[in-house]
Amino acid sequence: MLTREKILAARDRASEQVDVPEWGGPVRVSVMSGAQREKLMKSLKTEHTPNEFAAHMVAATVVDEAGVPIFTDDDLGVIANKSEEVLARIVGVAMRLNGFGASAVEEAAKN
């Protein structure tokens, strides 16, 4: 039987490396934690440009080797100003890993 410690220590969020030669190497994109997903959904209740949405997705899903997000809310403006092509590549992987489709994003924005 699983113990509390084993459950809490489990690495249960899949991740995938995405090559970003424009930035000089790969980044790790991960499934969001429940708290990160909730925070993202709350942020979608206000209008965002596509790059602002991408910045929120990148901040919520790009992690270090330990699975810890490498960006904070303070980085959102800078991320939104990065290459649209690069953001789209990362966000595509983030959306697939996190089970987001266009309809899920639209539904979250309505609520």
PDB file of N, CA and C in Angstrom:
ATOM      1  N   MET A   1       0.842  -1.168   0.000  1.00  0.00           N
ATOM      2  CA  MET A   1       0.000   0.000   0.000  1.00  0.00           C
ATOM      3  C   MET A   1       0.894   1.241   0.000  1.00  0.00           C
ATOM      4  N   LEU A   2       0.481   2.245  -0.731  1.00  0.00           N
ATOM      5  CA  LEU A   2       1.246   3.491  -0.777  1.00  0.00           C
ATOM      6  C   LEU A   2       1.144   4.258   0.533  1.00  0.00           C
ATOM      7  N   THR A   3       2.221   4.900   0.870  1.00  0.00           N
ATOM      8  CA  THR A   3       2.221   5.758   2.047  1.00  0.00           C
ATOM      9  C   THR A   3       2.119   7.211   1.594  1.00  0.00           C
ATOM     10  N   ARG A   4       1.831   8.068   2.525  1.00  0.00           N
ATOM     11  CA  ARG A   4       1.760   9.503   2.253  1.00  0.00           C
ATOM     12  C   ARG A   4       3.085   9.975   1.654  1.00  0.00           C
ATOM     13  N   GLU A   5       4.183   9.551   2.244  1.00  0.00           N
ATOM     14  CA  GLU A   5       5.499   9.964   1.802  1.00  0.00           C
ATOM     15  C   GLU A   5       5.776   9.523   0.359  1.00  0.00           C
ATOM     16  N   LYS A   6       5.394   8.286   0.038  1.00  0.00           N
ATOM     17  CA  LYS A   6       5.611   7.789  -1.317  1.00  0.00           C
ATOM     18  C   LYS A   6       4.771   8.563  -2.333  1.00  0.00           C
ATOM     19  N   ILE A   7       3.541   8.865  -1.966  1.00  0.00           N
ATOM     20  CA  ILE A   7       2.657   9.619  -2.869  1.00  0.00           C
ATOM     21  C   ILE A   7       3.211  11.019  -3.091  1.00  0.00           C
ATOM     22  N   LEU A   8       3.593  11.685  -2.014  1.00  0.00           N
ATOM     23  CA  LEU A   8       4.102  13.046  -2.135  1.00  0.00           C
ATOM     24  C   LEU A   8       5.442  13.102  -2.870  1.00  0.00           C
ATOM     25  N   ALA A   9       6.225  12.046  -2.795  1.00  0.00           N
ATOM     26  CA  ALA A   9       7.529  12.010  -3.455  1.00  0.00           C
ATOM     27  C   ALA A   9       7.440  11.564  -4.922  1.00  0.00           C
ATOM     28  N   ALA A  10       6.301  11.037  -5.317  1.00  0.00           N
ATOM     29  CA  ALA A  10       6.154  10.514  -6.681  1.00  0.00           C
ATOM     30  C   ALA A  10       6.285  11.631  -7.713  1.00  0.00           C
ATOM     31  N   ARG A  11       7.031  11.364  -8.751  1.00  0.00           N
ATOM     32  CA  ARG A  11       7.158  12.304  -9.877  1.00  0.00           C
ATOM     33  C   ARG A  11       6.069  11.920 -10.869  1.00  0.00           C
ATOM     34  N   ASP A  12       4.893  12.509 -10.681  1.00  0.00           N
ATOM     35  CA  ASP A  12       3.718  12.092 -11.440  1.00  0.00           C
ATOM     36  C   ASP A  12       3.336  13.042 -12.572  1.00  0.00           C
ATOM     37  N   ARG A  13       4.215  13.967 -12.890  1.00  0.00           N
ATOM     38  CA  ARG A  13       3.919  14.912 -13.966  1.00  0.00           C
ATOM     39  C   ARG A  13       4.885  14.674 -15.121  1.00  0.00           C
ATOM     40  N   ALA A  14       4.323  14.244 -16.227  1.00  0.00           N
ATOM     41  CA  ALA A  14       5.129  13.992 -17.421  1.00  0.00           C
ATOM     42  C   ALA A  14       5.757  15.296 -17.909  1.00  0.00           C
ATOM     43  N   SER A  15       6.882  15.159 -18.591  1.00  0.00           N
ATOM     44  CA  SER A  15       7.521  16.336 -19.182  1.00  0.00           C
ATOM     45  C   SER A  15       8.164  15.930 -20.493  1.00  0.00           C
ATOM     46  N   GLU A  16       8.497  16.951 -21.261  1.00  0.00           N
ATOM     47  CA  GLU A  16       9.095  16.706 -22.566  1.00  0.00           C
ATOM     48  C   GLU A  16      10.090  17.824 -22.862  1.00  0.00           C
ATOM     49  N   GLN A  17      11.196  17.462 -23.429  1.00  0.00           N
ATOM     50  CA  GLN A  17      12.198  18.445 -23.823  1.00  0.00           C
ATOM     51  C   GLN A  17      11.813  19.031 -25.179  1.00  0.00           C
ATOM     52  N   VAL A  18      11.910  20.355 -25.290  1.00  0.00           N
ATOM     53  CA  VAL A  18      11.600  21.048 -26.543  1.00  0.00           C
ATOM     54  C   VAL A  18      12.853  21.799 -26.972  1.00  0.00           C
ATOM     55  N   ASP A  19      13.295  21.542 -28.177  1.00  0.00           N
ATOM     56  CA  ASP A  19      14.484  22.209 -28.679  1.00  0.00           C
ATOM     57  C   ASP A  19      14.141  23.648 -29.070  1.00  0.00           C
ATOM     58  N   VAL A  20      14.928  24.582 -28.552  1.00  0.00           N
ATOM     59  CA  VAL A  20      14.741  26.002 -28.854  1.00  0.00           C
ATOM     60  C   VAL A  20      16.106  26.575 -29.265  1.00  0.00           C
ATOM     61  N   PRO A  21      16.525  26.292 -30.503  1.00  0.00           N
ATOM     62  CA  PRO A  21      17.839  26.776 -30.930  1.00  0.00           C
ATOM     63  C   PRO A  21      17.937  28.302 -30.891  1.00  0.00           C
ATOM     64  N   GLU A  22      16.805  28.974 -31.058  1.00  0.00           N
ATOM     65  CA  GLU A  22      16.809  30.437 -31.010  1.00  0.00           C
ATOM     66  C   GLU A  22      17.246  30.960 -29.636  1.00  0.00           C
ATOM     67  N   TRP A  23      17.052  30.155 -28.605  1.00  0.00           N
ATOM     68  CA  TRP A  23      17.437  30.542 -27.242  1.00  0.00           C
ATOM     69  C   TRP A  23      18.748  29.878 -26.827  1.00  0.00           C
ATOM     70  N   GLY A  24      19.294  29.030 -27.677  1.00  0.00           N
ATOM     71  CA  GLY A  24      20.576  28.410 -27.390  1.00  0.00           C
ATOM     72  C   GLY A  24      20.508  27.015 -26.820  1.00  0.00           C
ATOM     73  N   GLY A  25      19.329  26.396 -26.816  1.00  0.00           N
ATOM     74  CA  GLY A  25      19.233  25.028 -26.306  1.00  0.00           C
ATOM     75  C   GLY A  25      17.812  24.634 -25.991  1.00  0.00           C
ATOM     76  N   PRO A  26      17.654  23.478 -25.346  1.00  0.00           N
ATOM     77  CA  PRO A  26      16.312  22.968 -25.055  1.00  0.00           C
ATOM     78  C   PRO A  26      15.731  23.533 -23.759  1.00  0.00           C
ATOM     79  N   VAL A  27      14.416  23.433 -23.650  1.00  0.00           N
ATOM     80  CA  VAL A  27      13.704  23.706 -22.391  1.00  0.00           C
ATOM     81  C   VAL A  27      12.888  22.473 -22.053  1.00  0.00           C
ATOM     82  N   ARG A  28      12.557  22.318 -20.798  1.00  0.00           N
ATOM     83  CA  ARG A  28      11.720  21.200 -20.356  1.00  0.00           C
ATOM     84  C   ARG A  28      10.315  21.738 -20.118  1.00  0.00           C
ATOM     85  N   VAL A  29       9.323  21.154 -20.795  1.00  0.00           N
ATOM     86  CA  VAL A  29       7.920  21.518 -20.651  1.00  0.00           C
ATOM     87  C   VAL A  29       7.240  20.399 -19.882  1.00  0.00           C
ATOM     88  N   SER A  30       6.454  20.762 -18.872  1.00  0.00           N
ATOM     89  CA  SER A  30       5.872  19.780 -17.962  1.00  0.00           C
ATOM     90  C   SER A  30       4.361  19.922 -17.864  1.00  0.00           C
ATOM     91  N   VAL A  31       3.750  18.856 -17.424  1.00  0.00           N
ATOM     92  CA  VAL A  31       2.350  18.919 -17.016  1.00  0.00           C
ATOM     93  C   VAL A  31       2.293  19.826 -15.789  1.00  0.00           C
ATOM     94  N   MET A  32       1.303  20.700 -15.747  1.00  0.00           N
ATOM     95  CA  MET A  32       1.164  21.626 -14.620  1.00  0.00           C
ATOM     96  C   MET A  32       0.688  20.903 -13.369  1.00  0.00           C
ATOM     97  N   SER A  33       1.052  21.465 -12.242  1.00  0.00           N
ATOM     98  CA  SER A  33       0.468  20.987 -10.987  1.00  0.00           C
ATOM     99  C   SER A  33      -0.981  21.471 -10.943  1.00  0.00           C
ATOM    100  N   GLY A  34      -1.753  20.935 -10.041  1.00  0.00           N
ATOM    101  CA  GLY A  34      -3.131  21.394  -9.882  1.00  0.00           C
ATOM    102  C   GLY A  34      -3.193  22.878  -9.567  1.00  0.00           C
ATOM    103  N   ALA A  35      -2.301  23.350  -8.719  1.00  0.00           N
ATOM    104  CA  ALA A  35      -2.275  24.769  -8.344  1.00  0.00           C
ATOM    105  C   ALA A  35      -1.905  25.643  -9.540  1.00  0.00           C
ATOM    106  N   GLN A  36      -0.946  25.196 -10.350  1.00  0.00           N
ATOM    107  CA  GLN A  36      -0.555  25.969 -11.534  1.00  0.00           C
ATOM    108  C   GLN A  36      -1.702  26.041 -12.542  1.00  0.00           C
ATOM    109  N   ARG A  37      -2.388  24.924 -12.726  1.00  0.00           N
ATOM    110  CA  ARG A  37      -3.506  24.896 -13.676  1.00  0.00           C
ATOM    111  C   ARG A  37      -4.620  25.822 -13.211  1.00  0.00           C
ATOM    112  N   GLU A  38      -4.927  25.789 -11.914  1.00  0.00           N
ATOM    113  CA  GLU A  38      -5.962  26.668 -11.371  1.00  0.00           C
ATOM    114  C   GLU A  38      -5.583  28.132 -11.566  1.00  0.00           C
ATOM    115  N   LYS A  39      -4.337  28.468 -11.310  1.00  0.00           N
ATOM    116  CA  LYS A  39      -3.857  29.839 -11.484  1.00  0.00           C
ATOM    117  C   LYS A  39      -3.983  30.266 -12.946  1.00  0.00           C
ATOM    118  N   LEU A  40      -3.609  29.368 -13.874  1.00  0.00           N
ATOM    119  CA  LEU A  40      -3.727  29.678 -15.293  1.00  0.00           C
ATOM    120  C   LEU A  40      -5.190  29.897 -15.668  1.00  0.00           C
ATOM    121  N   MET A  41      -6.062  29.033 -15.210  1.00  0.00           N
ATOM    122  CA  MET A  41      -7.488  29.165 -15.537  1.00  0.00           C
ATOM    123  C   MET A  41      -8.054  30.488 -15.018  1.00  0.00           C
ATOM    124  N   LYS A  42      -7.636  30.892 -13.830  1.00  0.00           N
ATOM    125  CA  LYS A  42      -8.081  32.183 -13.295  1.00  0.00           C
ATOM    126  C   LYS A  42      -7.577  33.328 -14.160  1.00  0.00           C
ATOM    127  N   SER A  43      -6.351  33.219 -14.647  1.00  0.00           N
ATOM    128  CA  SER A  43      -5.800  34.293 -15.473  1.00  0.00           C
ATOM    129  C   SER A  43      -6.538  34.402 -16.804  1.00  0.00           C
ATOM    130  N   LEU A  44      -7.141  33.315 -17.267  1.00  0.00           N
ATOM    131  CA  LEU A  44      -7.856  33.326 -18.543  1.00  0.00           C
ATOM    132  C   LEU A  44      -9.205  34.032 -18.457  1.00  0.00           C
ATOM    133  N   LYS A  45      -9.619  34.375 -17.262  1.00  0.00           N
ATOM    134  CA  LYS A  45     -10.905  35.060 -17.094  1.00  0.00           C
ATOM    135  C   LYS A  45     -10.839  36.511 -17.551  1.00  0.00           C
ATOM    136  N   THR A  46      -9.635  37.028 -17.771  1.00  0.00           N
ATOM    137  CA  THR A  46      -9.476  38.366 -18.329  1.00  0.00           C
ATOM    138  C   THR A  46      -8.939  38.221 -19.745  1.00  0.00           C
ATOM    139  N   GLU A  47      -9.166  39.223 -20.559  1.00  0.00           N
ATOM    140  CA  GLU A  47      -8.719  39.146 -21.948  1.00  0.00           C
ATOM    141  C   GLU A  47      -7.207  39.225 -22.049  1.00  0.00           C
ATOM    142  N   HIS A  48      -6.673  38.398 -22.929  1.00  0.00           N
ATOM    143  CA  HIS A  48      -5.239  38.385 -23.197  1.00  0.00           C
ATOM    144  C   HIS A  48      -5.014  38.347 -24.695  1.00  0.00           C
ATOM    145  N   THR A  49      -3.937  38.966 -25.124  1.00  0.00           N
ATOM    146  CA  THR A  49      -3.513  38.787 -26.512  1.00  0.00           C
ATOM    147  C   THR A  49      -2.965  37.366 -26.628  1.00  0.00           C
ATOM    148  N   PRO A  50      -2.813  36.866 -27.848  1.00  0.00           N
ATOM    149  CA  PRO A  50      -2.234  35.525 -27.988  1.00  0.00           C
ATOM    150  C   PRO A  50      -0.851  35.396 -27.336  1.00  0.00           C
ATOM    151  N   ASN A  51      -0.013  36.423 -27.445  1.00  0.00           N
ATOM    152  CA  ASN A  51       1.313  36.339 -26.826  1.00  0.00           C
ATOM    153  C   ASN A  51       1.225  36.375 -25.305  1.00  0.00           C
ATOM    154  N   GLU A  52       0.270  37.116 -24.753  1.00  0.00           N
ATOM    155  CA  GLU A  52       0.092  37.128 -23.294  1.00  0.00           C
ATOM    156  C   GLU A  52      -0.352  35.751 -22.812  1.00  0.00           C
ATOM    157  N   PHE A  53      -1.280  35.121 -23.553  1.00  0.00           N
ATOM    158  CA  PHE A  53      -1.699  33.762 -23.207  1.00  0.00           C
ATOM    159  C   PHE A  53      -0.499  32.820 -23.265  1.00  0.00           C
ATOM    160  N   ALA A  54       0.300  32.948 -24.331  1.00  0.00           N
ATOM    161  CA  ALA A  54       1.483  32.099 -24.478  1.00  0.00           C
ATOM    162  C   ALA A  54       2.435  32.303 -23.312  1.00  0.00           C
ATOM    163  N   ALA A  55       2.605  33.537 -22.880  1.00  0.00           N
ATOM    164  CA  ALA A  55       3.497  33.821 -21.750  1.00  0.00           C
ATOM    165  C   ALA A  55       3.009  33.115 -20.495  1.00  0.00           C
ATOM    166  N   HIS A  56       1.706  33.134 -20.251  1.00  0.00           N
ATOM    167  CA  HIS A  56       1.149  32.439 -19.083  1.00  0.00           C
ATOM    168  C   HIS A  56       1.397  30.936 -19.181  1.00  0.00           C
ATOM    169  N   MET A  57       1.203  30.358 -20.372  1.00  0.00           N
ATOM    170  CA  MET A  57       1.432  28.923 -20.556  1.00  0.00           C
ATOM    171  C   MET A  57       2.902  28.567 -20.361  1.00  0.00           C
ATOM    172  N   VAL A  58       3.798  29.372 -20.917  1.00  0.00           N
ATOM    173  CA  VAL A  58       5.230  29.112 -20.777  1.00  0.00           C
ATOM    174  C   VAL A  58       5.631  29.205 -19.311  1.00  0.00           C
ATOM    175  N   ALA A  59       5.172  30.248 -18.626  1.00  0.00           N
ATOM    176  CA  ALA A  59       5.531  30.410 -17.212  1.00  0.00           C
ATOM    177  C   ALA A  59       5.017  29.253 -16.365  1.00  0.00           C
ATOM    178  N   ALA A  60       3.864  28.710 -16.725  1.00  0.00           N
ATOM    179  CA  ALA A  60       3.274  27.625 -15.944  1.00  0.00           C
ATOM    180  C   ALA A  60       3.873  26.265 -16.246  1.00  0.00           C
ATOM    181  N   THR A  61       4.529  26.115 -17.402  1.00  0.00           N
ATOM    182  CA  THR A  61       4.923  24.772 -17.816  1.00  0.00           C
ATOM    183  C   THR A  61       6.415  24.558 -18.053  1.00  0.00           C
ATOM    184  N   VAL A  62       7.203  25.602 -18.215  1.00  0.00           N
ATOM    185  CA  VAL A  62       8.651  25.418 -18.428  1.00  0.00           C
ATOM    186  C   VAL A  62       9.304  25.292 -17.056  1.00  0.00           C
ATOM    187  N   VAL A  63       9.986  24.161 -16.869  1.00  0.00           N
ATOM    188  CA  VAL A  63      10.521  23.816 -15.547  1.00  0.00           C
ATOM    189  C   VAL A  63      12.000  23.463 -15.625  1.00  0.00           C
ATOM    190  N   ASP A  64      12.627  23.424 -14.452  1.00  0.00           N
ATOM    191  CA  ASP A  64      14.021  22.985 -14.380  1.00  0.00           C
ATOM    192  C   ASP A  64      14.059  21.463 -14.246  1.00  0.00           C
ATOM    193  N   GLU A  65      15.234  20.911 -14.046  1.00  0.00           N
ATOM    194  CA  GLU A  65      15.392  19.455 -13.945  1.00  0.00           C
ATOM    195  C   GLU A  65      14.598  18.846 -12.792  1.00  0.00           C
ATOM    196  N   ALA A  66      14.366  19.628 -11.744  1.00  0.00           N
ATOM    197  CA  ALA A  66      13.611  19.140 -10.582  1.00  0.00           C
ATOM    198  C   ALA A  66      12.112  19.317 -10.757  1.00  0.00           C
ATOM    199  N   GLY A  67      11.677  19.891 -11.886  1.00  0.00           N
ATOM    200  CA  GLY A  67      10.250  20.091 -12.125  1.00  0.00           C
ATOM    201  C   GLY A  67       9.706  21.391 -11.548  1.00  0.00           C
ATOM    202  N   VAL A  68      10.588  22.294 -11.159  1.00  0.00           N
ATOM    203  CA  VAL A  68      10.183  23.574 -10.577  1.00  0.00           C
ATOM    204  C   VAL A  68      10.109  24.620 -11.690  1.00  0.00           C
ATOM    205  N   PRO A  69       9.000  25.374 -11.789  1.00  0.00           N
ATOM    206  CA  PRO A  69       8.906  26.409 -12.824  1.00  0.00           C
ATOM    207  C   PRO A  69      10.093  27.379 -12.738  1.00  0.00           C
ATOM    208  N   ILE A  70      10.639  27.732 -13.893  1.00  0.00           N
ATOM    209  CA  ILE A  70      11.790  28.627 -13.904  1.00  0.00           C
ATOM    210  C   ILE A  70      11.377  30.089 -14.042  1.00  0.00           C
ATOM    211  N   PHE A  71      10.129  30.347 -14.390  1.00  0.00           N
ATOM    212  CA  PHE A  71       9.640  31.719 -14.542  1.00  0.00           C
ATOM    213  C   PHE A  71       8.644  32.060 -13.448  1.00  0.00           C
ATOM    214  N   THR A  72       8.507  33.357 -13.203  1.00  0.00           N
ATOM    215  CA  THR A  72       7.512  33.855 -12.258  1.00  0.00           C
ATOM    216  C   THR A  72       6.585  34.820 -12.994  1.00  0.00           C
ATOM    217  N   ASP A  73       5.572  35.308 -12.290  1.00  0.00           N
ATOM    218  CA  ASP A  73       4.666  36.293 -12.880  1.00  0.00           C
ATOM    219  C   ASP A  73       5.413  37.548 -13.310  1.00  0.00           C
ATOM    220  N   ASP A  74       6.508  37.860 -12.647  1.00  0.00           N
ATOM    221  CA  ASP A  74       7.303  39.035 -13.010  1.00  0.00           C
ATOM    222  C   ASP A  74       7.911  38.908 -14.404  1.00  0.00           C
ATOM    223  N   ASP A  75       7.999  37.688 -14.921  1.00  0.00           N
ATOM    224  CA  ASP A  75       8.597  37.443 -16.233  1.00  0.00           C
ATOM    225  C   ASP A  75       7.584  37.475 -17.378  1.00  0.00           C
ATOM    226  N   LEU A  76       6.300  37.577 -17.085  1.00  0.00           N
ATOM    227  CA  LEU A  76       5.273  37.449 -18.121  1.00  0.00           C
ATOM    228  C   LEU A  76       5.438  38.447 -19.266  1.00  0.00           C
ATOM    229  N   GLY A  77       5.712  39.698 -18.955  1.00  0.00           N
ATOM    230  CA  GLY A  77       5.880  40.699 -20.002  1.00  0.00           C
ATOM    231  C   GLY A  77       7.063  40.411 -20.908  1.00  0.00           C
ATOM    232  N   VAL A  78       8.152  39.972 -20.323  1.00  0.00           N
ATOM    233  CA  VAL A  78       9.346  39.658 -21.105  1.00  0.00           C
ATOM    234  C   VAL A  78       9.089  38.428 -21.981  1.00  0.00           C
ATOM    235  N   ILE A  79       8.444  37.428 -21.411  1.00  0.00           N
ATOM    236  CA  ILE A  79       8.140  36.216 -22.191  1.00  0.00           C
ATOM    237  C   ILE A  79       7.231  36.565 -23.365  1.00  0.00           C
ATOM    238  N   ALA A  80       6.209  37.390 -23.128  1.00  0.00           N
ATOM    239  CA  ALA A  80       5.258  37.761 -24.184  1.00  0.00           C
ATOM    240  C   ALA A  80       5.940  38.457 -25.350  1.00  0.00           C
ATOM    241  N   ASN A  81       7.096  39.061 -25.106  1.00  0.00           N
ATOM    242  CA  ASN A  81       7.824  39.760 -26.165  1.00  0.00           C
ATOM    243  C   ASN A  81       8.857  38.888 -26.870  1.00  0.00           C
ATOM    244  N   LYS A  82       8.917  37.613 -26.527  1.00  0.00           N
ATOM    245  CA  LYS A  82       9.827  36.689 -27.208  1.00  0.00           C
ATOM    246  C   LYS A  82       9.218  36.315 -28.564  1.00  0.00           C
ATOM    247  N   SER A  83       9.974  35.610 -29.361  1.00  0.00           N
ATOM    248  CA  SER A  83       9.549  35.205 -30.698  1.00  0.00           C
ATOM    249  C   SER A  83       8.217  34.458 -30.664  1.00  0.00           C
ATOM    250  N   GLU A  84       7.294  34.918 -31.489  1.00  0.00           N
ATOM    251  CA  GLU A  84       5.986  34.251 -31.576  1.00  0.00           C
ATOM    252  C   GLU A  84       6.133  32.798 -32.036  1.00  0.00           C
ATOM    253  N   GLU A  85       7.081  32.556 -32.933  1.00  0.00           N
ATOM    254  CA  GLU A  85       7.326  31.203 -33.431  1.00  0.00           C
ATOM    255  C   GLU A  85       7.798  30.287 -32.305  1.00  0.00           C
ATOM    256  N   VAL A  86       8.721  30.787 -31.493  1.00  0.00           N
ATOM    257  CA  VAL A  86       9.236  29.988 -30.374  1.00  0.00           C
ATOM    258  C   VAL A  86       8.134  29.740 -29.361  1.00  0.00           C
ATOM    259  N   LEU A  87       7.382  30.787 -29.018  1.00  0.00           N
ATOM    260  CA  LEU A  87       6.296  30.627 -28.048  1.00  0.00           C
ATOM    261  C   LEU A  87       5.284  29.596 -28.539  1.00  0.00           C
ATOM    262  N   ALA A  88       4.945  29.657 -29.823  1.00  0.00           N
ATOM    263  CA  ALA A  88       3.970  28.708 -30.377  1.00  0.00           C
ATOM    264  C   ALA A  88       4.480  27.275 -30.276  1.00  0.00           C
ATOM    265  N   ARG A  89       5.763  27.068 -30.499  1.00  0.00           N
ATOM    266  CA  ARG A  89       6.352  25.724 -30.406  1.00  0.00           C
ATOM    267  C   ARG A  89       6.224  25.184 -28.979  1.00  0.00           C
ATOM    268  N   ILE A  90       6.595  26.014 -28.014  1.00  0.00           N
ATOM    269  CA  ILE A  90       6.537  25.588 -26.612  1.00  0.00           C
ATOM    270  C   ILE A  90       5.088  25.400 -26.165  1.00  0.00           C
ATOM    271  N   VAL A  91       4.233  26.345 -26.513  1.00  0.00           N
ATOM    272  CA  VAL A  91       2.829  26.268 -26.093  1.00  0.00           C
ATOM    273  C   VAL A  91       2.143  25.058 -26.718  1.00  0.00           C
ATOM    274  N   GLY A  92       2.488  24.716 -27.943  1.00  0.00           N
ATOM    275  CA  GLY A  92       1.900  23.525 -28.570  1.00  0.00           C
ATOM    276  C   GLY A  92       2.174  22.271 -27.765  1.00  0.00           C
ATOM    277  N   VAL A  93       3.401  22.128 -27.316  1.00  0.00           N
ATOM    278  CA  VAL A  93       3.760  20.974 -26.483  1.00  0.00           C
ATOM    279  C   VAL A  93       3.069  21.068 -25.125  1.00  0.00           C
ATOM    280  N   ALA A  94       3.065  22.258 -24.530  1.00  0.00           N
ATOM    281  CA  ALA A  94       2.430  22.448 -23.225  1.00  0.00           C
ATOM    282  C   ALA A  94       0.941  22.112 -23.278  1.00  0.00           C
ATOM    283  N   MET A  95       0.275  22.545 -24.330  1.00  0.00           N
ATOM    284  CA  MET A  95      -1.161  22.275 -24.452  1.00  0.00           C
ATOM    285  C   MET A  95      -1.422  20.780 -24.632  1.00  0.00           C
ATOM    286  N   ARG A  96      -0.600  20.126 -25.439  1.00  0.00           N
ATOM    287  CA  ARG A  96      -0.772  18.680 -25.644  1.00  0.00           C
ATOM    288  C   ARG A  96      -0.542  17.914 -24.345  1.00  0.00           C
ATOM    289  N   LEU A  97       0.544  18.224 -23.636  1.00  0.00           N
ATOM    290  CA  LEU A  97       0.852  17.521 -22.387  1.00  0.00           C
ATOM    291  C   LEU A  97      -0.217  17.739 -21.322  1.00  0.00           C
ATOM    292  N   ASN A  98      -0.820  18.921 -21.330  1.00  0.00           N
ATOM    293  CA  ASN A  98      -1.790  19.274 -20.303  1.00  0.00           C
ATOM    294  C   ASN A  98      -3.240  19.046 -20.726  1.00  0.00           C
ATOM    295  N   GLY A  99      -3.440  18.458 -21.899  1.00  0.00           N
ATOM    296  CA  GLY A  99      -4.786  18.120 -22.347  1.00  0.00           C
ATOM    297  C   GLY A  99      -5.634  19.327 -22.693  1.00  0.00           C
ATOM    298  N   PHE A 100      -4.988  20.399 -23.152  1.00  0.00           N
ATOM    299  CA  PHE A 100      -5.712  21.605 -23.546  1.00  0.00           C
ATOM    300  C   PHE A 100      -5.936  21.567 -25.047  1.00  0.00           C
ATOM    301  N   GLY A 101      -7.146  21.797 -25.432  1.00  0.00           N
ATOM    302  CA  GLY A 101      -7.466  22.029 -26.826  1.00  0.00           C
ATOM    303  C   GLY A 101      -8.061  23.414 -26.925  1.00  0.00           C
ATOM    304  N   ALA A 102      -8.321  23.858 -28.110  1.00  0.00           N
ATOM    305  CA  ALA A 102      -8.899  25.191 -28.286  1.00  0.00           C
ATOM    306  C   ALA A 102     -10.209  25.316 -27.525  1.00  0.00           C
ATOM    307  N   SER A 103     -11.022  24.261 -27.516  1.00  0.00           N
ATOM    308  CA  SER A 103     -12.317  24.337 -26.826  1.00  0.00           C
ATOM    309  C   SER A 103     -12.121  24.444 -25.321  1.00  0.00           C
ATOM    310  N   ALA A 104     -11.106  23.800 -24.759  1.00  0.00           N
ATOM    311  CA  ALA A 104     -10.846  23.896 -23.314  1.00  0.00           C
ATOM    312  C   ALA A 104     -10.440  25.299 -22.929  1.00  0.00           C
ATOM    313  N   VAL A 105      -9.613  25.937 -23.754  1.00  0.00           N
ATOM    314  CA  VAL A 105      -9.184  27.301 -23.476  1.00  0.00           C
ATOM    315  C   VAL A 105     -10.369  28.252 -23.560  1.00  0.00           C
ATOM    316  N   GLU A 106     -11.207  28.097 -24.603  1.00  0.00           N
ATOM    317  CA  GLU A 106     -12.379  28.957 -24.761  1.00  0.00           C
ATOM    318  C   GLU A 106     -13.348  28.779 -23.594  1.00  0.00           C
ATOM    319  N   GLU A 107     -13.553  27.537 -23.167  1.00  0.00           N
ATOM    320  CA  GLU A 107     -14.472  27.273 -22.056  1.00  0.00           C
ATOM    321  C   GLU A 107     -13.960  27.891 -20.756  1.00  0.00           C
ATOM    322  N   ALA A 108     -12.678  27.810 -20.510  1.00  0.00           N
ATOM    323  CA  ALA A 108     -12.098  28.404 -19.307  1.00  0.00           C
ATOM    324  C   ALA A 108     -12.274  29.914 -19.312  1.00  0.00           C
ATOM    325  N   ALA A 109     -12.128  30.520 -20.487  1.00  0.00           N
ATOM    326  CA  ALA A 109     -12.254  31.969 -20.595  1.00  0.00           C
ATOM    327  C   ALA A 109     -13.698  32.414 -20.319  1.00  0.00           C
ATOM    328  N   LYS A 110     -14.686  31.562 -20.645  1.00  0.00           N
ATOM    329  CA  LYS A 110     -16.094  31.893 -20.401  1.00  0.00           C
ATOM    330  C   LYS A 110     -16.449  31.867 -18.922  1.00  0.00           C
ATOM    331  N   ASN A 111     -15.811  30.963 -18.174  1.00  0.00           N
ATOM    332  CA  ASN A 111     -16.182  30.767 -16.768  1.00  0.00           C
ATOM    333  C   ASN A 111     -15.576  31.778 -15.887  1.00  0.00           C
TER     334      ASN A 111
END
